[in-house]
Amino acid sequence: MSSLAEVLAWKFNDAPGIRTREKKDGKMEIFDWPSNLGPKPTKAKIARWTAELEALPPPVDELATAVDALDVTEELKTVLKDVIKAL
């Protein structure tokens, strides 16, 4: 499950000035909310945003994808060199 801070960072594109903290009961709360973002979100809005965030597909690791492509390219080079030698 996503944390309150993660949900707010996602929804508000890491806007500065949003701060959360853990209450004595262990639940998280919005501690600081910039007025330029409008009214502080309700629990219902936060629950909806949390569901939206968790429904998204996992992010693509572009670096890992590039490394995988590079590995395949190197393997193909090796195979082609072996084929050329065999001819």
PDB file of N, CA and C in Angstrom:
ATOM      1  N   MET A   1       0.840  -1.185   0.000  1.00  0.00           N
ATOM      2  CA  MET A   1       0.000   0.000   0.000  1.00  0.00           C
ATOM      3  C   MET A   1       0.883   1.246   0.000  1.00  0.00           C
ATOM      4  N   SER A   2       0.483   2.223  -0.754  1.00  0.00           N
ATOM      5  CA  SER A   2       1.238   3.468  -0.871  1.00  0.00           C
ATOM      6  C   SER A   2       1.057   4.315   0.392  1.00  0.00           C
ATOM      7  N   SER A   3       2.115   5.018   0.751  1.00  0.00           N
ATOM      8  CA  SER A   3       2.033   5.910   1.909  1.00  0.00           C
ATOM      9  C   SER A   3       1.350   7.216   1.522  1.00  0.00           C
ATOM     10  N   LEU A   4       0.896   7.935   2.526  1.00  0.00           N
ATOM     11  CA  LEU A   4       0.263   9.233   2.296  1.00  0.00           C
ATOM     12  C   LEU A   4       1.226  10.161   1.565  1.00  0.00           C
ATOM     13  N   ALA A   5       2.487  10.175   1.968  1.00  0.00           N
ATOM     14  CA  ALA A   5       3.481  11.051   1.332  1.00  0.00           C
ATOM     15  C   ALA A   5       3.664  10.688  -0.138  1.00  0.00           C
ATOM     16  N   GLU A   6       3.704   9.381  -0.449  1.00  0.00           N
ATOM     17  CA  GLU A   6       3.864   8.946  -1.845  1.00  0.00           C
ATOM     18  C   GLU A   6       2.675   9.380  -2.699  1.00  0.00           C
ATOM     19  N   VAL A   7       1.477   9.225  -2.153  1.00  0.00           N
ATOM     20  CA  VAL A   7       0.269   9.592  -2.894  1.00  0.00           C
ATOM     21  C   VAL A   7       0.247  11.090  -3.175  1.00  0.00           C
ATOM     22  N   LEU A   8       0.544  11.897  -2.157  1.00  0.00           N
ATOM     23  CA  LEU A   8       0.532  13.347  -2.345  1.00  0.00           C
ATOM     24  C   LEU A   8       1.640  13.799  -3.297  1.00  0.00           C
ATOM     25  N   ALA A   9       2.805  13.183  -3.204  1.00  0.00           N
ATOM     26  CA  ALA A   9       3.904  13.526  -4.118  1.00  0.00           C
ATOM     27  C   ALA A   9       3.511  13.203  -5.550  1.00  0.00           C
ATOM     28  N   TRP A  10       2.859  12.058  -5.753  1.00  0.00           N
ATOM     29  CA  TRP A  10       2.417  11.665  -7.095  1.00  0.00           C
ATOM     30  C   TRP A  10       1.342  12.621  -7.605  1.00  0.00           C
ATOM     31  N   LYS A  11       0.340  12.883  -6.798  1.00  0.00           N
ATOM     32  CA  LYS A  11      -0.801  13.689  -7.237  1.00  0.00           C
ATOM     33  C   LYS A  11      -0.408  15.144  -7.488  1.00  0.00           C
ATOM     34  N   PHE A  12       0.504  15.659  -6.681  1.00  0.00           N
ATOM     35  CA  PHE A  12       0.861  17.073  -6.779  1.00  0.00           C
ATOM     36  C   PHE A  12       2.276  17.281  -7.318  1.00  0.00           C
ATOM     37  N   ASN A  13       2.792  16.280  -8.018  1.00  0.00           N
ATOM     38  CA  ASN A  13       4.074  16.390  -8.724  1.00  0.00           C
ATOM     39  C   ASN A  13       5.187  16.930  -7.822  1.00  0.00           C
ATOM     40  N   ASP A  14       5.291  16.359  -6.630  1.00  0.00           N
ATOM     41  CA  ASP A  14       6.338  16.741  -5.669  1.00  0.00           C
ATOM     42  C   ASP A  14       6.342  18.233  -5.345  1.00  0.00           C
ATOM     43  N   ALA A  15       5.152  18.815  -5.222  1.00  0.00           N
ATOM     44  CA  ALA A  15       5.051  20.243  -4.909  1.00  0.00           C
ATOM     45  C   ALA A  15       5.724  20.537  -3.568  1.00  0.00           C
ATOM     46  N   PRO A  16       6.477  21.624  -3.512  1.00  0.00           N
ATOM     47  CA  PRO A  16       7.141  21.962  -2.248  1.00  0.00           C
ATOM     48  C   PRO A  16       6.128  22.399  -1.192  1.00  0.00           C
ATOM     49  N   GLY A  17       6.463  22.143   0.052  1.00  0.00           N
ATOM     50  CA  GLY A  17       5.648  22.628   1.161  1.00  0.00           C
ATOM     51  C   GLY A  17       4.658  21.626   1.717  1.00  0.00           C
ATOM     52  N   ILE A  18       4.470  20.486   1.055  1.00  0.00           N
ATOM     53  CA  ILE A  18       3.580  19.462   1.593  1.00  0.00           C
ATOM     54  C   ILE A  18       4.384  18.628   2.578  1.00  0.00           C
ATOM     55  N   ARG A  19       3.880  18.556   3.817  1.00  0.00           N
ATOM     56  CA  ARG A  19       4.573  17.747   4.816  1.00  0.00           C
ATOM     57  C   ARG A  19       3.577  16.838   5.525  1.00  0.00           C
ATOM     58  N   THR A  20       4.019  15.622   5.777  1.00  0.00           N
ATOM     59  CA  THR A  20       3.195  14.665   6.505  1.00  0.00           C
ATOM     60  C   THR A  20       3.950  14.223   7.751  1.00  0.00           C
ATOM     61  N   ARG A  21       3.204  13.669   8.696  1.00  0.00           N
ATOM     62  CA  ARG A  21       3.837  13.146   9.908  1.00  0.00           C
ATOM     63  C   ARG A  21       2.971  12.031  10.474  1.00  0.00           C
ATOM     64  N   GLU A  22       3.601  11.232  11.319  1.00  0.00           N
ATOM     65  CA  GLU A  22       2.895  10.147  11.977  1.00  0.00           C
ATOM     66  C   GLU A  22       2.303  10.658  13.289  1.00  0.00           C
ATOM     67  N   LYS A  23       1.019  10.354  13.483  1.00  0.00           N
ATOM     68  CA  LYS A  23       0.365  10.744  14.731  1.00  0.00           C
ATOM     69  C   LYS A  23       0.682   9.714  15.816  1.00  0.00           C
ATOM     70  N   LYS A  24       0.306  10.009  17.040  1.00  0.00           N
ATOM     71  CA  LYS A  24       0.572   9.102  18.154  1.00  0.00           C
ATOM     72  C   LYS A  24      -0.084   7.739  17.955  1.00  0.00           C
ATOM     73  N   ASP A  25      -1.204   7.703  17.231  1.00  0.00           N
ATOM     74  CA  ASP A  25      -1.897   6.428  17.007  1.00  0.00           C
ATOM     75  C   ASP A  25      -1.288   5.629  15.850  1.00  0.00           C
ATOM     76  N   GLY A  26      -0.213   6.167  15.247  1.00  0.00           N
ATOM     77  CA  GLY A  26       0.467   5.467  14.159  1.00  0.00           C
ATOM     78  C   GLY A  26      -0.040   5.814  12.777  1.00  0.00           C
ATOM     79  N   LYS A  27      -1.140   6.540  12.681  1.00  0.00           N
ATOM     80  CA  LYS A  27      -1.677   6.946  11.379  1.00  0.00           C
ATOM     81  C   LYS A  27      -0.961   8.203  10.896  1.00  0.00           C
ATOM     82  N   MET A  28      -0.930   8.354   9.579  1.00  0.00           N
ATOM     83  CA  MET A  28      -0.270   9.517   8.988  1.00  0.00           C
ATOM     84  C   MET A  28      -1.276  10.651   8.812  1.00  0.00           C
ATOM     85  N   GLU A  29      -0.760  11.871   8.879  1.00  0.00           N
ATOM     86  CA  GLU A  29      -1.602  13.040   8.660  1.00  0.00           C
ATOM     87  C   GLU A  29      -0.830  14.077   7.850  1.00  0.00           C
ATOM     88  N   ILE A  30      -1.578  14.962   7.215  1.00  0.00           N
ATOM     89  CA  ILE A  30      -0.964  16.099   6.527  1.00  0.00           C
ATOM     90  C   ILE A  30      -0.663  17.139   7.603  1.00  0.00           C
ATOM     91  N   PHE A  31       0.601  17.450   7.739  1.00  0.00           N
ATOM     92  CA  PHE A  31       1.059  18.376   8.777  1.00  0.00           C
ATOM     93  C   PHE A  31       1.091  19.810   8.245  1.00  0.00           C
ATOM     94  N   ASP A  32       1.509  19.968   7.008  1.00  0.00           N
ATOM     95  CA  ASP A  32       1.658  21.293   6.409  1.00  0.00           C
ATOM     96  C   ASP A  32       1.103  21.225   4.992  1.00  0.00           C
ATOM     97  N   TRP A  33       0.259  22.184   4.622  1.00  0.00           N
ATOM     98  CA  TRP A  33      -0.355  22.191   3.301  1.00  0.00           C
ATOM     99  C   TRP A  33      -0.281  23.602   2.722  1.00  0.00           C
ATOM    100  N   PRO A  34       0.403  23.770   1.585  1.00  0.00           N
ATOM    101  CA  PRO A  34       0.519  25.099   0.970  1.00  0.00           C
ATOM    102  C   PRO A  34      -0.846  25.611   0.477  1.00  0.00           C
ATOM    103  N   SER A  35      -1.139  26.848   0.756  1.00  0.00           N
ATOM    104  CA  SER A  35      -2.437  27.425   0.363  1.00  0.00           C
ATOM    105  C   SER A  35      -2.593  27.511  -1.156  1.00  0.00           C
ATOM    106  N   ASN A  36      -1.471  27.593  -1.890  1.00  0.00           N
ATOM    107  CA  ASN A  36      -1.564  27.706  -3.346  1.00  0.00           C
ATOM    108  C   ASN A  36      -2.058  26.414  -4.001  1.00  0.00           C
ATOM    109  N   LEU A  37      -2.151  25.316  -3.234  1.00  0.00           N
ATOM    110  CA  LEU A  37      -2.656  24.057  -3.781  1.00  0.00           C
ATOM    111  C   LEU A  37      -4.157  23.887  -3.538  1.00  0.00           C
ATOM    112  N   GLY A  38      -4.776  24.908  -2.960  1.00  0.00           N
ATOM    113  CA  GLY A  38      -6.200  24.811  -2.671  1.00  0.00           C
ATOM    114  C   GLY A  38      -6.418  24.204  -1.293  1.00  0.00           C
ATOM    115  N   PRO A  39      -7.660  23.799  -1.023  1.00  0.00           N
ATOM    116  CA  PRO A  39      -7.944  23.248   0.302  1.00  0.00           C
ATOM    117  C   PRO A  39      -7.240  21.907   0.533  1.00  0.00           C
ATOM    118  N   LYS A  40      -6.955  21.634   1.789  1.00  0.00           N
ATOM    119  CA  LYS A  40      -6.330  20.365   2.162  1.00  0.00           C
ATOM    120  C   LYS A  40      -7.255  19.226   1.725  1.00  0.00           C
ATOM    121  N   PRO A  41      -6.717  18.175   1.102  1.00  0.00           N
ATOM    122  CA  PRO A  41      -7.562  17.084   0.614  1.00  0.00           C
ATOM    123  C   PRO A  41      -8.258  16.328   1.749  1.00  0.00           C
ATOM    124  N   THR A  42      -9.448  15.857   1.432  1.00  0.00           N
ATOM    125  CA  THR A  42     -10.227  15.079   2.396  1.00  0.00           C
ATOM    126  C   THR A  42      -9.734  13.632   2.405  1.00  0.00           C
ATOM    127  N   LYS A  43     -10.144  12.882   3.415  1.00  0.00           N
ATOM    128  CA  LYS A  43      -9.789  11.461   3.484  1.00  0.00           C
ATOM    129  C   LYS A  43     -10.349  10.713   2.281  1.00  0.00           C
ATOM    130  N   ALA A  44     -11.531  11.101   1.817  1.00  0.00           N
ATOM    131  CA  ALA A  44     -12.143  10.443   0.652  1.00  0.00           C
ATOM    132  C   ALA A  44     -11.312  10.678  -0.607  1.00  0.00           C
ATOM    133  N   LYS A  45     -10.852  11.915  -0.805  1.00  0.00           N
ATOM    134  CA  LYS A  45     -10.003  12.209  -1.970  1.00  0.00           C
ATOM    135  C   LYS A  45      -8.696  11.432  -1.903  1.00  0.00           C
ATOM    136  N   ILE A  46      -8.106  11.395  -0.720  1.00  0.00           N
ATOM    137  CA  ILE A  46      -6.838  10.684  -0.558  1.00  0.00           C
ATOM    138  C   ILE A  46      -7.036   9.192  -0.831  1.00  0.00           C
ATOM    139  N   ALA A  47      -8.153   8.633  -0.376  1.00  0.00           N
ATOM    140  CA  ALA A  47      -8.445   7.214  -0.630  1.00  0.00           C
ATOM    141  C   ALA A  47      -8.601   6.960  -2.130  1.00  0.00           C
ATOM    142  N   ARG A  48      -9.280   7.877  -2.834  1.00  0.00           N
ATOM    143  CA  ARG A  48      -9.450   7.730  -4.285  1.00  0.00           C
ATOM    144  C   ARG A  48      -8.110   7.825  -5.001  1.00  0.00           C
ATOM    145  N   TRP A  49      -7.295   8.788  -4.624  1.00  0.00           N
ATOM    146  CA  TRP A  49      -5.981   8.951  -5.253  1.00  0.00           C
ATOM    147  C   TRP A  49      -5.090   7.749  -4.981  1.00  0.00           C
ATOM    148  N   THR A  50      -5.185   7.207  -3.771  1.00  0.00           N
ATOM    149  CA  THR A  50      -4.391   6.024  -3.427  1.00  0.00           C
ATOM    150  C   THR A  50      -4.775   4.861  -4.335  1.00  0.00           C
ATOM    151  N   ALA A  51      -6.072   4.674  -4.533  1.00  0.00           N
ATOM    152  CA  ALA A  51      -6.536   3.596  -5.416  1.00  0.00           C
ATOM    153  C   ALA A  51      -6.059   3.828  -6.850  1.00  0.00           C
ATOM    154  N   GLU A  52      -6.109   5.068  -7.318  1.00  0.00           N
ATOM    155  CA  GLU A  52      -5.649   5.391  -8.675  1.00  0.00           C
ATOM    156  C   GLU A  52      -4.158   5.083  -8.825  1.00  0.00           C
ATOM    157  N   LEU A  53      -3.363   5.497  -7.841  1.00  0.00           N
ATOM    158  CA  LEU A  53      -1.918   5.270  -7.900  1.00  0.00           C
ATOM    159  C   LEU A  53      -1.597   3.782  -7.894  1.00  0.00           C
ATOM    160  N   GLU A  54      -2.272   3.043  -7.038  1.00  0.00           N
ATOM    161  CA  GLU A  54      -1.987   1.612  -6.929  1.00  0.00           C
ATOM    162  C   GLU A  54      -2.485   0.823  -8.132  1.00  0.00           C
ATOM    163  N   ALA A  55      -3.408   1.404  -8.914  1.00  0.00           N
ATOM    164  CA  ALA A  55      -3.912   0.730 -10.112  1.00  0.00           C
ATOM    165  C   ALA A  55      -2.990   0.930 -11.317  1.00  0.00           C
ATOM    166  N   LEU A  56      -2.052   1.865 -11.213  1.00  0.00           N
ATOM    167  CA  LEU A  56      -1.139   2.125 -12.330  1.00  0.00           C
ATOM    168  C   LEU A  56      -0.189   0.947 -12.525  1.00  0.00           C
ATOM    169  N   PRO A  57       0.227   0.703 -13.768  1.00  0.00           N
ATOM    170  CA  PRO A  57       1.239  -0.340 -13.967  1.00  0.00           C
ATOM    171  C   PRO A  57       2.553   0.094 -13.338  1.00  0.00           C
ATOM    172  N   PRO A  58       3.397  -0.860 -12.973  1.00  0.00           N
ATOM    173  CA  PRO A  58       4.676  -0.468 -12.371  1.00  0.00           C
ATOM    174  C   PRO A  58       5.502   0.341 -13.360  1.00  0.00           C
ATOM    175  N   PRO A  59       6.322   1.257 -12.846  1.00  0.00           N
ATOM    176  CA  PRO A  59       7.140   2.065 -13.752  1.00  0.00           C
ATOM    177  C   PRO A  59       8.164   1.205 -14.483  1.00  0.00           C
ATOM    178  N   VAL A  60       8.500   1.642 -15.682  1.00  0.00           N
ATOM    179  CA  VAL A  60       9.497   0.942 -16.486  1.00  0.00           C
ATOM    180  C   VAL A  60      10.875   1.425 -16.060  1.00  0.00           C
ATOM    181  N   ASP A  61      11.753   0.491 -15.783  1.00  0.00           N
ATOM    182  CA  ASP A  61      13.129   0.838 -15.444  1.00  0.00           C
ATOM    183  C   ASP A  61      13.891   0.990 -16.754  1.00  0.00           C
ATOM    184  N   GLU A  62      14.006   2.231 -17.218  1.00  0.00           N
ATOM    185  CA  GLU A  62      14.609   2.490 -18.528  1.00  0.00           C
ATOM    186  C   GLU A  62      16.074   2.068 -18.583  1.00  0.00           C
ATOM    187  N   LEU A  63      16.785   2.214 -17.493  1.00  0.00           N
ATOM    188  CA  LEU A  63      18.191   1.809 -17.471  1.00  0.00           C
ATOM    189  C   LEU A  63      18.305   0.292 -17.630  1.00  0.00           C
ATOM    190  N   ALA A  64      17.490  -0.447 -16.892  1.00  0.00           N
ATOM    191  CA  ALA A  64      17.523  -1.910 -17.006  1.00  0.00           C
ATOM    192  C   ALA A  64      17.137  -2.356 -18.415  1.00  0.00           C
ATOM    193  N   THR A  65      16.168  -1.694 -19.018  1.00  0.00           N
ATOM    194  CA  THR A  65      15.751  -2.015 -20.382  1.00  0.00           C
ATOM    195  C   THR A  65      16.899  -1.775 -21.359  1.00  0.00           C
ATOM    196  N   ALA A  66      17.604  -0.667 -21.181  1.00  0.00           N
ATOM    197  CA  ALA A  66      18.740  -0.350 -22.062  1.00  0.00           C
ATOM    198  C   ALA A  66      19.867  -1.363 -21.887  1.00  0.00           C
ATOM    199  N   VAL A  67      20.131  -1.759 -20.658  1.00  0.00           N
ATOM    200  CA  VAL A  67      21.186  -2.746 -20.400  1.00  0.00           C
ATOM    201  C   VAL A  67      20.811  -4.083 -21.019  1.00  0.00           C
ATOM    202  N   ASP A  68      19.542  -4.476 -20.883  1.00  0.00           N
ATOM    203  CA  ASP A  68      19.080  -5.724 -21.499  1.00  0.00           C
ATOM    204  C   ASP A  68      19.263  -5.675 -23.015  1.00  0.00           C
ATOM    205  N   ALA A  69      18.929  -4.543 -23.624  1.00  0.00           N
ATOM    206  CA  ALA A  69      19.085  -4.403 -25.071  1.00  0.00           C
ATOM    207  C   ALA A  69      20.555  -4.484 -25.462  1.00  0.00           C
ATOM    208  N   LEU A  70      21.420  -3.895 -24.665  1.00  0.00           N
ATOM    209  CA  LEU A  70      22.850  -3.945 -24.931  1.00  0.00           C
ATOM    210  C   LEU A  70      23.370  -5.378 -24.838  1.00  0.00           C
ATOM    211  N   ASP A  71      22.909  -6.119 -23.831  1.00  0.00           N
ATOM    212  CA  ASP A  71      23.307  -7.520 -23.685  1.00  0.00           C
ATOM    213  C   ASP A  71      22.893  -8.335 -24.907  1.00  0.00           C
ATOM    214  N   VAL A  72      21.679  -8.114 -25.398  1.00  0.00           N
ATOM    215  CA  VAL A  72      21.193  -8.833 -26.581  1.00  0.00           C
ATOM    216  C   VAL A  72      22.042  -8.481 -27.791  1.00  0.00           C
ATOM    217  N   THR A  73      22.386  -7.207 -27.929  1.00  0.00           N
ATOM    218  CA  THR A  73      23.214  -6.764 -29.050  1.00  0.00           C
ATOM    219  C   THR A  73      24.578  -7.453 -29.013  1.00  0.00           C
ATOM    220  N   GLU A  74      25.181  -7.524 -27.844  1.00  0.00           N
ATOM    221  CA  GLU A  74      26.482  -8.179 -27.709  1.00  0.00           C
ATOM    222  C   GLU A  74      26.376  -9.671 -28.038  1.00  0.00           C
ATOM    223  N   GLU A  75      25.298 -10.302 -27.593  1.00  0.00           N
ATOM    224  CA  GLU A  75      25.096 -11.724 -27.896  1.00  0.00           C
ATOM    225  C   GLU A  75      24.950 -11.940 -29.404  1.00  0.00           C
ATOM    226  N   LEU A  76      24.214 -11.044 -30.067  1.00  0.00           N
ATOM    227  CA  LEU A  76      24.039 -11.160 -31.517  1.00  0.00           C
ATOM    228  C   LEU A  76      25.363 -10.974 -32.251  1.00  0.00           C
ATOM    229  N   LYS A  77      26.188 -10.054 -31.774  1.00  0.00           N
ATOM    230  CA  LYS A  77      27.504  -9.860 -32.387  1.00  0.00           C
ATOM    231  C   LYS A  77      28.323 -11.139 -32.299  1.00  0.00           C
ATOM    232  N   THR A  78      28.300 -11.772 -31.141  1.00  0.00           N
ATOM    233  CA  THR A  78      29.044 -13.016 -30.942  1.00  0.00           C
ATOM    234  C   THR A  78      28.532 -14.104 -31.877  1.00  0.00           C
ATOM    235  N   VAL A  79      27.227 -14.248 -31.991  1.00  0.00           N
ATOM    236  CA  VAL A  79      26.627 -15.247 -32.864  1.00  0.00           C
ATOM    237  C   VAL A  79      27.010 -14.985 -34.320  1.00  0.00           C
ATOM    238  N   LEU A  80      26.929 -13.724 -34.728  1.00  0.00           N
ATOM    239  CA  LEU A  80      27.280 -13.381 -36.117  1.00  0.00           C
ATOM    240  C   LEU A  80      28.756 -13.655 -36.403  1.00  0.00           C
ATOM    241  N   LYS A  81      29.624 -13.342 -35.467  1.00  0.00           N
ATOM    242  CA  LYS A  81      31.054 -13.635 -35.666  1.00  0.00           C
ATOM    243  C   LYS A  81      31.272 -15.142 -35.833  1.00  0.00           C
ATOM    244  N   ASP A  82      30.568 -15.934 -35.013  1.00  0.00           N
ATOM    245  CA  ASP A  82      30.688 -17.391 -35.118  1.00  0.00           C
ATOM    246  C   ASP A  82      30.158 -17.897 -36.468  1.00  0.00           C
ATOM    247  N   VAL A  83      29.083 -17.326 -36.939  1.00  0.00           N
ATOM    248  CA  VAL A  83      28.524 -17.729 -38.239  1.00  0.00           C
ATOM    249  C   VAL A  83      29.480 -17.382 -39.368  1.00  0.00           C
ATOM    250  N   ILE A  84      30.059 -16.187 -39.292  1.00  0.00           N
ATOM    251  CA  ILE A  84      31.005 -15.752 -40.336  1.00  0.00           C
ATOM    252  C   ILE A  84      32.229 -16.649 -40.346  1.00  0.00           C
ATOM    253  N   LYS A  85      32.729 -17.000 -39.175  1.00  0.00           N
ATOM    254  CA  LYS A  85      33.891 -17.908 -39.097  1.00  0.00           C
ATOM    255  C   LYS A  85      33.559 -19.268 -39.687  1.00  0.00           C
ATOM    256  N   ALA A  86      32.340 -19.723 -39.499  1.00  0.00           N
ATOM    257  CA  ALA A  86      31.940 -21.047 -39.987  1.00  0.00           C
ATOM    258  C   ALA A  86      31.786 -21.069 -41.502  1.00  0.00           C
ATOM    259  N   LEU A  87      31.624 -19.927 -42.109  1.00  0.00           N
ATOM    260  CA  LEU A  87      31.446 -19.868 -43.569  1.00  0.00           C
ATOM    261  C   LEU A  87      32.754 -20.019 -44.217  1.00  0.00           C
TER     262      LEU A  87
END
